[in-house]
């Protein structure tokens, strides 16, 4: 009887130890697992979409093309200087953007930006080439936006030539909901 009493006490102690370890693990990891802002800041991708369309923050996005160039031309067929270092490549992402219900169109435009991303998590912000044939942002007076009407824009990036094979697509972000969507070509 003494042996059975010891075995049951040992079983209860082990079960209590496992329960305490599980509770301690949950308490210690909970801030890291549920802090969506911190996880978002580290570059988390919430959704991957092939070409789209995908709606983020009341704007529908569709990636039409993602092409690499050594130079780009303006409306008069003259080279646009993007100011990149020697050996860099110019990437042009052509996107169809449609403002949807719930978006505030100020002066027939809104803020929109797509960030270029590679497979290693590196990102590049778009540049603003002067006189490019397509609008390069969604607030251009020459290309006003109207609700529920799609319009093409171009996002132009200057990247090192070595990363071109690793480019994954463009990311669209919603800062208020901590949501990031990767649109692949």
N, C-alpha and C. Protein backbone atom coordinates (compact mmCIF):
# COMPACT_ATOMS: atom_id res chain seq x y z
N UNK A 1 0.81 -1.18 0.00
CA UNK A 1 0.00 0.00 0.00
C UNK A 1 0.86 1.25 0.00
N UNK A 2 1.96 1.18 0.62
CA UNK A 2 2.85 2.29 0.66
C UNK A 2 3.37 2.61 -0.74
N UNK A 3 3.65 1.61 -1.53
CA UNK A 3 4.15 1.79 -2.89
C UNK A 3 3.08 2.42 -3.78
N UNK A 4 1.84 2.01 -3.63
CA UNK A 4 0.74 2.58 -4.42
C UNK A 4 0.51 4.04 -4.03
N UNK A 5 0.64 4.35 -2.75
CA UNK A 5 0.47 5.72 -2.28
C UNK A 5 1.57 6.61 -2.85
N UNK A 6 2.79 6.14 -2.87
CA UNK A 6 3.90 6.90 -3.44
C UNK A 6 3.72 7.12 -4.94
N UNK A 7 3.28 6.11 -5.65
CA UNK A 7 3.08 6.20 -7.09
C UNK A 7 1.99 7.21 -7.43
N UNK A 8 0.90 7.20 -6.67
CA UNK A 8 -0.17 8.16 -6.95
C UNK A 8 0.27 9.58 -6.62
N UNK A 9 1.02 9.74 -5.53
CA UNK A 9 1.52 11.07 -5.18
C UNK A 9 2.49 11.57 -6.25
N UNK A 10 3.37 10.72 -6.75
CA UNK A 10 4.31 11.09 -7.80
C UNK A 10 3.58 11.45 -9.10
N UNK A 11 2.52 10.72 -9.41
CA UNK A 11 1.72 11.02 -10.61
C UNK A 11 1.06 12.39 -10.48
N UNK A 12 0.51 12.69 -9.32
CA UNK A 12 -0.12 13.99 -9.09
C UNK A 12 0.92 15.11 -9.17
N UNK A 13 2.10 14.90 -8.62
CA UNK A 13 3.15 15.91 -8.66
C UNK A 13 3.62 16.17 -10.09
N UNK A 14 3.76 15.12 -10.87
CA UNK A 14 4.18 15.29 -12.28
C UNK A 14 3.09 16.03 -13.06
N UNK A 15 1.84 15.67 -12.83
CA UNK A 15 0.73 16.34 -13.53
C UNK A 15 0.68 17.82 -13.14
N UNK A 16 0.88 18.13 -11.88
CA UNK A 16 0.91 19.51 -11.42
C UNK A 16 2.08 20.27 -12.03
N UNK A 17 3.24 19.65 -12.10
CA UNK A 17 4.41 20.28 -12.70
C UNK A 17 4.18 20.58 -14.19
N UNK A 18 3.58 19.65 -14.92
CA UNK A 18 3.28 19.86 -16.34
C UNK A 18 2.28 20.99 -16.51
N UNK A 19 1.26 21.04 -15.66
CA UNK A 19 0.26 22.11 -15.73
C UNK A 19 0.89 23.47 -15.44
N UNK A 20 1.76 23.53 -14.44
CA UNK A 20 2.44 24.79 -14.12
C UNK A 20 3.37 25.23 -15.25
N UNK A 21 4.08 24.30 -15.85
CA UNK A 21 4.96 24.64 -16.98
C UNK A 21 4.15 25.14 -18.17
N UNK A 22 3.02 24.52 -18.44
CA UNK A 22 2.16 24.96 -19.55
C UNK A 22 1.63 26.37 -19.28
N UNK A 23 1.18 26.62 -18.05
CA UNK A 23 0.66 27.95 -17.71
C UNK A 23 1.76 29.00 -17.81
N UNK A 24 2.95 28.68 -17.34
CA UNK A 24 4.06 29.64 -17.41
C UNK A 24 4.45 29.93 -18.86
N UNK A 25 4.43 28.91 -19.70
CA UNK A 25 4.75 29.11 -21.11
C UNK A 25 3.73 30.02 -21.79
N UNK A 26 2.47 29.80 -21.52
CA UNK A 26 1.41 30.64 -22.11
C UNK A 26 1.54 32.07 -21.62
N UNK A 27 1.78 32.25 -20.34
CA UNK A 27 1.91 33.60 -19.78
C UNK A 27 3.12 34.32 -20.37
N UNK A 28 4.22 33.61 -20.55
CA UNK A 28 5.43 34.24 -21.09
C UNK A 28 5.32 34.55 -22.57
N UNK A 29 4.68 33.70 -23.35
CA UNK A 29 4.63 33.88 -24.81
C UNK A 29 3.44 34.69 -25.29
N UNK A 30 2.44 34.88 -24.47
CA UNK A 30 1.23 35.58 -24.90
C UNK A 30 1.51 36.98 -25.46
N UNK A 31 2.32 37.81 -24.83
CA UNK A 31 2.58 39.13 -25.42
C UNK A 31 3.23 39.06 -26.79
N UNK A 32 4.04 38.06 -27.03
CA UNK A 32 4.71 37.95 -28.31
C UNK A 32 3.80 37.39 -29.39
N UNK A 33 2.86 36.55 -29.02
CA UNK A 33 1.98 35.92 -29.99
C UNK A 33 0.81 36.81 -30.39
N UNK A 34 0.41 37.74 -29.54
CA UNK A 34 -0.78 38.54 -29.82
C UNK A 34 -0.49 40.00 -30.11
N UNK A 35 0.76 40.42 -30.12
CA UNK A 35 1.08 41.81 -30.38
C UNK A 35 1.12 42.04 -31.89
N UNK A 36 -0.04 42.31 -32.48
CA UNK A 36 -0.12 42.42 -33.94
C UNK A 36 0.66 43.59 -34.48
N UNK A 37 0.73 44.68 -33.75
CA UNK A 37 1.50 45.84 -34.22
C UNK A 37 2.98 45.50 -34.35
N UNK A 38 3.53 44.83 -33.33
CA UNK A 38 4.95 44.48 -33.36
C UNK A 38 5.24 43.48 -34.48
N UNK A 39 4.37 42.51 -34.64
CA UNK A 39 4.56 41.52 -35.69
C UNK A 39 4.45 42.18 -37.06
N UNK A 40 3.53 43.11 -37.21
CA UNK A 40 3.38 43.86 -38.47
C UNK A 40 4.64 44.66 -38.77
N UNK A 41 5.19 45.31 -37.74
CA UNK A 41 6.40 46.12 -37.91
C UNK A 41 7.59 45.27 -38.36
N UNK A 42 7.58 43.99 -38.04
CA UNK A 42 8.67 43.09 -38.43
C UNK A 42 8.53 42.60 -39.86
N UNK A 43 7.47 43.01 -40.58
CA UNK A 43 7.35 42.69 -41.98
C UNK A 43 6.46 41.50 -42.31
N UNK A 44 5.60 41.12 -41.41
CA UNK A 44 4.72 39.98 -41.64
C UNK A 44 3.83 40.20 -42.87
N UNK A 45 3.71 39.17 -43.70
CA UNK A 45 2.79 39.16 -44.84
C UNK A 45 1.55 38.40 -44.41
N UNK A 46 0.39 39.03 -44.50
CA UNK A 46 -0.85 38.39 -44.08
C UNK A 46 -1.50 37.56 -45.18
N UNK A 47 -1.28 37.96 -46.43
CA UNK A 47 -1.94 37.28 -47.53
C UNK A 47 -1.07 37.40 -48.78
N UNK A 48 -1.04 36.35 -49.57
CA UNK A 48 -0.33 36.36 -50.85
C UNK A 48 -1.36 36.11 -51.94
N UNK A 49 -1.39 37.02 -52.92
CA UNK A 49 -2.37 36.96 -54.00
C UNK A 49 -1.62 36.97 -55.32
N UNK A 50 -2.01 36.09 -56.22
CA UNK A 50 -1.39 36.05 -57.54
C UNK A 50 -2.10 37.04 -58.46
N UNK A 51 -1.48 38.15 -58.75
CA UNK A 51 -1.93 39.24 -59.60
C UNK A 51 -3.12 40.02 -59.07
N UNK A 52 -3.97 39.45 -58.29
CA UNK A 52 -5.11 40.17 -57.77
C UNK A 52 -6.35 39.92 -58.58
N UNK A 53 -7.39 40.61 -58.38
CA UNK A 53 -7.52 41.80 -57.53
C UNK A 53 -7.66 41.45 -56.05
N UNK A 54 -7.23 42.40 -55.24
CA UNK A 54 -7.37 42.30 -53.80
C UNK A 54 -7.71 43.70 -53.28
N UNK A 55 -8.61 43.75 -52.32
CA UNK A 55 -9.02 45.04 -51.75
C UNK A 55 -8.34 45.24 -50.40
N UNK A 56 -7.61 46.35 -50.30
CA UNK A 56 -6.92 46.72 -49.07
C UNK A 56 -7.27 48.18 -48.78
N UNK A 57 -7.83 48.44 -47.61
CA UNK A 57 -8.18 49.79 -47.17
C UNK A 57 -9.07 50.51 -48.19
N UNK A 58 -10.09 49.85 -48.66
CA UNK A 58 -11.09 50.40 -49.58
C UNK A 58 -10.53 50.72 -50.96
N UNK A 59 -9.42 50.11 -51.33
CA UNK A 59 -8.85 50.27 -52.66
C UNK A 59 -8.59 48.88 -53.23
N UNK A 60 -9.07 48.65 -54.44
CA UNK A 60 -8.84 47.36 -55.11
C UNK A 60 -7.58 47.48 -55.98
N UNK A 61 -6.68 46.52 -55.81
CA UNK A 61 -5.40 46.50 -56.52
C UNK A 61 -5.32 45.27 -57.41
N UNK A 62 -4.74 45.45 -58.59
CA UNK A 62 -4.46 44.33 -59.49
C UNK A 62 -3.11 44.60 -60.15
N UNK A 63 -2.20 43.65 -60.05
CA UNK A 63 -0.87 43.79 -60.65
C UNK A 63 -0.94 43.33 -62.09
N UNK A 64 -0.78 44.27 -63.01
CA UNK A 64 -0.82 43.95 -64.43
C UNK A 64 0.52 43.43 -64.94
N UNK A 65 1.62 44.07 -64.51
CA UNK A 65 2.94 43.61 -64.95
C UNK A 65 4.00 44.10 -63.98
N UNK A 66 5.12 43.39 -63.98
CA UNK A 66 6.29 43.74 -63.19
C UNK A 66 7.49 43.49 -64.09
N UNK A 67 8.07 44.57 -64.64
CA UNK A 67 9.11 44.43 -65.65
C UNK A 67 10.38 45.18 -65.25
N UNK A 68 11.51 44.63 -65.71
CA UNK A 68 12.82 45.24 -65.45
C UNK A 68 13.29 45.99 -66.69
N UNK A 69 13.88 47.17 -66.47
CA UNK A 69 14.41 48.01 -67.54
C UNK A 69 15.78 48.56 -67.14
N UNK A 70 16.57 48.92 -68.14
CA UNK A 70 17.82 49.63 -67.85
C UNK A 70 17.57 51.13 -67.86
N UNK A 71 16.65 51.60 -68.70
CA UNK A 71 16.21 52.99 -68.72
C UNK A 71 14.71 53.02 -69.02
N UNK A 72 14.06 54.08 -68.59
CA UNK A 72 12.65 54.27 -68.92
C UNK A 72 12.52 55.59 -69.66
N UNK A 73 11.48 55.70 -70.48
CA UNK A 73 11.29 56.88 -71.32
C UNK A 73 10.08 57.68 -70.86
N UNK A 74 10.14 58.99 -71.06
CA UNK A 74 9.01 59.85 -70.72
C UNK A 74 8.05 59.93 -71.89
N UNK A 75 7.09 60.84 -71.83
CA UNK A 75 6.08 60.98 -72.87
C UNK A 75 6.67 61.40 -74.22
N UNK A 76 7.83 62.05 -74.19
CA UNK A 76 8.49 62.52 -75.42
C UNK A 76 9.57 61.56 -75.90
N UNK A 77 9.58 60.33 -75.38
CA UNK A 77 10.56 59.29 -75.72
C UNK A 77 11.99 59.69 -75.38
N UNK A 78 12.17 60.44 -74.30
CA UNK A 78 13.49 60.78 -73.80
C UNK A 78 13.71 60.03 -72.50
N UNK A 79 14.97 59.66 -72.25
CA UNK A 79 15.31 58.87 -71.06
C UNK A 79 15.05 59.67 -69.78
N UNK A 80 14.48 59.00 -68.80
CA UNK A 80 14.25 59.60 -67.48
C UNK A 80 15.38 59.17 -66.56
N UNK A 81 16.03 60.15 -65.93
CA UNK A 81 17.10 59.84 -64.99
C UNK A 81 16.50 59.56 -63.62
N UNK A 82 16.66 58.33 -63.15
CA UNK A 82 16.11 57.94 -61.85
C UNK A 82 17.12 58.12 -60.72
N UNK A 83 18.34 58.51 -61.04
CA UNK A 83 19.32 58.80 -60.01
C UNK A 83 19.87 57.59 -59.28
N UNK A 84 19.76 56.42 -59.87
CA UNK A 84 20.28 55.21 -59.23
C UNK A 84 21.78 55.05 -59.45
N UNK A 85 22.44 54.27 -58.62
CA UNK A 85 23.87 54.02 -58.81
C UNK A 85 24.12 53.21 -60.08
N UNK A 86 25.37 53.24 -60.56
CA UNK A 86 25.74 52.49 -61.76
C UNK A 86 25.45 51.01 -61.55
N UNK A 87 24.89 50.38 -62.57
CA UNK A 87 24.59 48.96 -62.49
C UNK A 87 23.24 48.65 -61.87
N UNK A 88 22.45 49.66 -61.56
CA UNK A 88 21.14 49.39 -60.98
C UNK A 88 20.12 49.14 -62.08
N UNK A 89 19.03 48.54 -61.70
CA UNK A 89 17.96 48.19 -62.63
C UNK A 89 16.69 48.94 -62.22
N UNK A 90 15.92 49.33 -63.20
CA UNK A 90 14.66 50.02 -62.94
C UNK A 90 13.53 48.99 -63.09
N UNK A 91 12.72 48.86 -62.08
CA UNK A 91 11.58 47.95 -62.09
C UNK A 91 10.31 48.79 -62.17
N UNK A 92 9.45 48.47 -63.13
CA UNK A 92 8.18 49.17 -63.28
C UNK A 92 7.05 48.18 -63.01
N UNK A 93 6.27 48.49 -61.99
CA UNK A 93 5.07 47.71 -61.67
C UNK A 93 3.87 48.50 -62.20
N UNK A 94 3.14 47.89 -63.13
CA UNK A 94 1.92 48.51 -63.64
C UNK A 94 0.75 47.88 -62.90
N UNK A 95 -0.05 48.73 -62.26
CA UNK A 95 -1.15 48.27 -61.42
C UNK A 95 -2.45 48.92 -61.85
N UNK A 96 -3.53 48.18 -61.74
CA UNK A 96 -4.86 48.75 -61.92
C UNK A 96 -5.43 49.00 -60.54
N UNK A 97 -5.78 50.26 -60.27
CA UNK A 97 -6.24 50.68 -58.95
C UNK A 97 -7.68 51.17 -59.08
N UNK A 98 -8.54 50.68 -58.19
CA UNK A 98 -9.95 51.07 -58.20
C UNK A 98 -10.35 51.52 -56.80
N UNK A 99 -10.68 52.81 -56.61
CA UNK A 99 -11.17 53.24 -55.30
C UNK A 99 -12.58 52.71 -55.06
N UNK A 100 -12.82 52.18 -53.88
CA UNK A 100 -14.11 51.58 -53.54
C UNK A 100 -14.82 52.40 -52.47
N UNK A 101 -16.08 52.05 -52.27
CA UNK A 101 -16.92 52.72 -51.27
C UNK A 101 -16.23 52.70 -49.91
N UNK A 102 -16.21 53.85 -49.25
CA UNK A 102 -15.57 53.97 -47.95
C UNK A 102 -14.25 54.73 -48.00
N UNK A 103 -13.72 54.96 -49.20
CA UNK A 103 -12.47 55.70 -49.37
C UNK A 103 -12.78 57.17 -49.56
N UNK A 104 -12.02 58.02 -48.93
CA UNK A 104 -12.21 59.47 -49.07
C UNK A 104 -11.34 59.96 -50.23
N UNK A 105 -12.00 60.44 -51.28
CA UNK A 105 -11.30 61.01 -52.43
C UNK A 105 -11.16 62.51 -52.22
N UNK A 106 -9.96 62.95 -51.86
CA UNK A 106 -9.71 64.37 -51.65
C UNK A 106 -9.16 64.95 -52.95
N UNK A 107 -9.84 65.93 -53.51
CA UNK A 107 -9.44 66.55 -54.78
C UNK A 107 -9.27 65.52 -55.88
N UNK A 108 -10.19 64.54 -55.92
CA UNK A 108 -10.21 63.47 -56.92
C UNK A 108 -8.94 62.61 -56.88
N UNK A 109 -8.38 62.45 -55.72
CA UNK A 109 -7.20 61.61 -55.55
C UNK A 109 -7.13 61.06 -54.13
N UNK A 110 -6.18 60.19 -53.88
CA UNK A 110 -5.97 59.60 -52.57
C UNK A 110 -4.52 59.13 -52.49
N UNK A 111 -4.10 58.76 -51.32
CA UNK A 111 -2.74 58.28 -51.13
C UNK A 111 -2.69 56.79 -51.42
N UNK A 112 -1.76 56.40 -52.28
CA UNK A 112 -1.59 54.98 -52.56
C UNK A 112 -0.11 54.70 -52.79
N UNK A 113 0.32 53.55 -52.34
CA UNK A 113 1.71 53.19 -52.51
C UNK A 113 1.85 51.67 -52.47
N UNK A 114 2.65 51.16 -53.38
CA UNK A 114 3.00 49.75 -53.39
C UNK A 114 4.51 49.66 -53.16
N UNK A 115 4.92 48.76 -52.31
CA UNK A 115 6.33 48.59 -51.98
C UNK A 115 6.84 47.32 -52.65
N UNK A 116 7.96 47.43 -53.35
CA UNK A 116 8.56 46.27 -54.01
C UNK A 116 9.24 45.40 -52.96
N UNK A 117 9.11 44.08 -53.09
CA UNK A 117 9.66 43.16 -52.08
C UNK A 117 10.34 41.99 -52.77
N UNK A 118 11.44 41.54 -52.19
CA UNK A 118 12.10 40.34 -52.72
C UNK A 118 11.86 39.16 -51.77
N UNK A 119 12.37 38.00 -52.14
CA UNK A 119 12.13 36.78 -51.37
C UNK A 119 12.86 36.77 -50.03
N UNK A 120 13.80 37.69 -49.82
CA UNK A 120 14.56 37.75 -48.57
C UNK A 120 13.97 38.76 -47.60
N UNK A 121 12.86 39.41 -47.98
CA UNK A 121 12.23 40.38 -47.09
C UNK A 121 12.70 41.81 -47.29
N UNK A 122 13.62 42.05 -48.23
CA UNK A 122 14.07 43.41 -48.52
C UNK A 122 12.97 44.16 -49.27
N UNK A 123 12.84 45.46 -49.00
CA UNK A 123 11.80 46.26 -49.65
C UNK A 123 12.40 47.53 -50.25
N UNK A 124 11.70 48.04 -51.28
CA UNK A 124 12.09 49.29 -51.93
C UNK A 124 10.85 50.14 -52.12
N UNK A 125 10.98 51.43 -51.80
CA UNK A 125 9.89 52.37 -52.04
C UNK A 125 9.97 52.87 -53.47
N UNK A 126 8.82 53.29 -53.98
CA UNK A 126 8.77 53.75 -55.37
C UNK A 126 9.32 55.17 -55.48
N UNK A 127 9.83 55.46 -56.68
CA UNK A 127 10.31 56.81 -56.99
C UNK A 127 9.25 57.55 -57.79
N UNK A 128 9.49 58.79 -58.07
CA UNK A 128 8.55 59.62 -58.82
C UNK A 128 9.20 60.13 -60.10
N UNK A 129 9.24 59.32 -61.15
CA UNK A 129 9.84 59.80 -62.40
C UNK A 129 8.98 60.90 -63.02
N UNK A 130 9.63 61.97 -63.41
CA UNK A 130 8.92 63.12 -63.99
C UNK A 130 8.50 62.80 -65.42
N UNK A 131 7.25 63.07 -65.74
CA UNK A 131 6.70 62.95 -67.09
C UNK A 131 6.61 61.51 -67.60
N UNK A 132 6.43 60.55 -66.70
CA UNK A 132 6.24 59.16 -67.12
C UNK A 132 4.86 59.05 -67.77
N UNK A 133 4.69 58.20 -68.79
CA UNK A 133 3.41 58.13 -69.51
C UNK A 133 2.19 57.75 -68.65
N UNK A 134 2.39 57.02 -67.56
CA UNK A 134 1.29 56.68 -66.65
C UNK A 134 1.45 57.47 -65.36
N UNK A 135 0.35 57.72 -64.64
CA UNK A 135 0.50 58.37 -63.34
C UNK A 135 1.29 57.47 -62.39
N UNK A 136 2.10 58.07 -61.54
CA UNK A 136 2.92 57.28 -60.62
C UNK A 136 2.42 57.37 -59.18
N UNK A 137 1.33 58.07 -58.98
CA UNK A 137 0.67 58.10 -57.68
C UNK A 137 -0.80 58.41 -57.90
N UNK A 138 -1.60 58.24 -56.89
CA UNK A 138 -3.05 58.33 -57.03
C UNK A 138 -3.61 59.71 -56.72
N UNK A 139 -2.78 60.73 -56.70
CA UNK A 139 -3.24 62.08 -56.43
C UNK A 139 -2.84 63.04 -57.51
N UNK A 140 -2.60 62.55 -58.72
CA UNK A 140 -2.14 63.37 -59.83
C UNK A 140 -3.32 64.17 -60.41
N UNK A 141 -3.17 65.49 -60.52
CA UNK A 141 -4.24 66.35 -61.06
C UNK A 141 -4.55 66.03 -62.52
N UNK A 142 -3.55 65.57 -63.25
CA UNK A 142 -3.76 65.24 -64.67
C UNK A 142 -4.56 63.96 -64.86
N UNK A 143 -4.59 63.10 -63.83
CA UNK A 143 -5.30 61.82 -63.90
C UNK A 143 -6.22 61.70 -62.69
N UNK A 144 -7.36 62.39 -62.67
CA UNK A 144 -8.24 62.32 -61.49
C UNK A 144 -8.90 60.94 -61.37
N UNK A 145 -9.12 60.53 -60.15
CA UNK A 145 -9.79 59.27 -59.85
C UNK A 145 -11.25 59.52 -59.54
N UNK A 146 -12.08 58.57 -59.91
CA UNK A 146 -13.49 58.59 -59.52
C UNK A 146 -13.82 57.25 -58.87
N UNK A 147 -14.80 57.28 -58.01
CA UNK A 147 -15.17 56.09 -57.25
C UNK A 147 -15.61 54.96 -58.18
N UNK A 148 -15.15 53.76 -57.91
CA UNK A 148 -15.49 52.52 -58.62
C UNK A 148 -15.07 52.52 -60.09
N UNK A 149 -14.14 53.38 -60.47
CA UNK A 149 -13.64 53.39 -61.85
C UNK A 149 -12.16 53.00 -61.84
N UNK A 150 -11.80 51.86 -62.47
CA UNK A 150 -10.40 51.43 -62.47
C UNK A 150 -9.52 52.36 -63.31
N UNK A 151 -8.29 52.50 -62.86
CA UNK A 151 -7.31 53.32 -63.58
C UNK A 151 -5.92 52.73 -63.36
N UNK A 152 -5.10 52.74 -64.40
CA UNK A 152 -3.75 52.20 -64.30
C UNK A 152 -2.80 53.24 -63.74
N UNK A 153 -1.90 52.77 -62.88
CA UNK A 153 -0.80 53.59 -62.39
C UNK A 153 0.48 52.78 -62.52
N UNK A 154 1.60 53.47 -62.45
CA UNK A 154 2.91 52.80 -62.48
C UNK A 154 3.65 53.13 -61.20
N UNK A 155 4.27 52.13 -60.62
CA UNK A 155 5.16 52.33 -59.48
C UNK A 155 6.56 51.98 -59.99
N UNK A 156 7.51 52.89 -59.84
CA UNK A 156 8.84 52.74 -60.42
C UNK A 156 9.86 52.64 -59.29
N UNK A 157 10.72 51.62 -59.36
CA UNK A 157 11.70 51.35 -58.32
C UNK A 157 13.09 51.23 -58.94
N UNK A 158 14.11 51.64 -58.18
CA UNK A 158 15.50 51.45 -58.59
C UNK A 158 16.10 50.44 -57.62
N UNK A 159 16.57 49.30 -58.17
CA UNK A 159 17.09 48.22 -57.34
C UNK A 159 18.45 47.76 -57.88
N UNK A 160 19.26 47.12 -57.04
CA UNK A 160 20.50 46.53 -57.55
C UNK A 160 20.19 45.40 -58.53
N UNK A 161 21.03 45.26 -59.53
CA UNK A 161 20.81 44.24 -60.56
C UNK A 161 20.80 42.83 -59.97
N UNK A 162 21.54 42.61 -58.89
CA UNK A 162 21.66 41.28 -58.30
C UNK A 162 20.36 40.77 -57.67
N UNK A 163 19.44 41.66 -57.31
CA UNK A 163 18.21 41.21 -56.64
C UNK A 163 17.06 40.95 -57.61
N UNK A 164 17.22 41.29 -58.87
CA UNK A 164 16.13 41.15 -59.84
C UNK A 164 15.59 39.72 -59.89
N UNK A 165 16.44 38.67 -59.91
CA UNK A 165 15.87 37.31 -59.94
C UNK A 165 15.08 36.93 -58.68
N UNK A 166 15.32 37.63 -57.57
CA UNK A 166 14.67 37.30 -56.29
C UNK A 166 13.43 38.14 -56.01
N UNK A 167 13.02 39.01 -56.92
CA UNK A 167 11.85 39.85 -56.66
C UNK A 167 10.60 38.99 -56.56
N UNK A 168 9.81 39.24 -55.52
CA UNK A 168 8.61 38.44 -55.26
C UNK A 168 7.34 39.13 -55.72
N UNK A 169 7.29 40.44 -55.69
CA UNK A 169 6.10 41.18 -56.06
C UNK A 169 6.03 42.49 -55.31
N UNK A 170 4.83 43.05 -55.21
CA UNK A 170 4.63 44.31 -54.49
C UNK A 170 3.72 44.07 -53.30
N UNK A 171 3.98 44.82 -52.23
CA UNK A 171 3.13 44.71 -51.05
C UNK A 171 2.28 45.97 -50.92
N UNK A 172 1.05 45.73 -50.54
CA UNK A 172 0.09 46.80 -50.26
C UNK A 172 -0.22 46.71 -48.78
N UNK A 173 -0.22 47.85 -48.10
CA UNK A 173 -0.37 47.82 -46.65
C UNK A 173 -1.54 48.67 -46.18
N UNK A 174 -2.16 48.22 -45.10
CA UNK A 174 -3.19 48.98 -44.41
C UNK A 174 -2.68 49.20 -42.99
N UNK A 175 -2.20 50.41 -42.71
CA UNK A 175 -1.58 50.70 -41.43
C UNK A 175 -2.57 50.68 -40.27
N UNK A 176 -3.84 50.96 -40.54
CA UNK A 176 -4.81 50.99 -39.44
C UNK A 176 -5.20 49.59 -38.99
N UNK A 177 -5.22 48.62 -39.89
CA UNK A 177 -5.58 47.25 -39.54
C UNK A 177 -4.36 46.33 -39.40
N UNK A 178 -3.17 46.87 -39.57
CA UNK A 178 -1.94 46.08 -39.54
C UNK A 178 -2.04 44.89 -40.49
N UNK A 179 -2.36 45.20 -41.75
CA UNK A 179 -2.53 44.17 -42.76
C UNK A 179 -1.58 44.45 -43.93
N UNK A 180 -0.88 43.43 -44.38
CA UNK A 180 0.05 43.55 -45.51
C UNK A 180 -0.24 42.40 -46.48
N UNK A 181 -0.46 42.77 -47.75
CA UNK A 181 -0.76 41.79 -48.79
C UNK A 181 0.34 41.85 -49.83
N UNK A 182 0.85 40.68 -50.20
CA UNK A 182 1.85 40.56 -51.26
C UNK A 182 1.13 40.14 -52.54
N UNK A 183 1.29 40.95 -53.60
CA UNK A 183 0.71 40.62 -54.90
C UNK A 183 1.86 40.18 -55.78
N UNK A 184 1.80 38.93 -56.22
CA UNK A 184 2.88 38.36 -57.04
C UNK A 184 2.51 38.44 -58.52
N UNK A 185 3.53 38.51 -59.39
CA UNK A 185 3.24 38.58 -60.84
C UNK A 185 2.75 37.25 -61.40
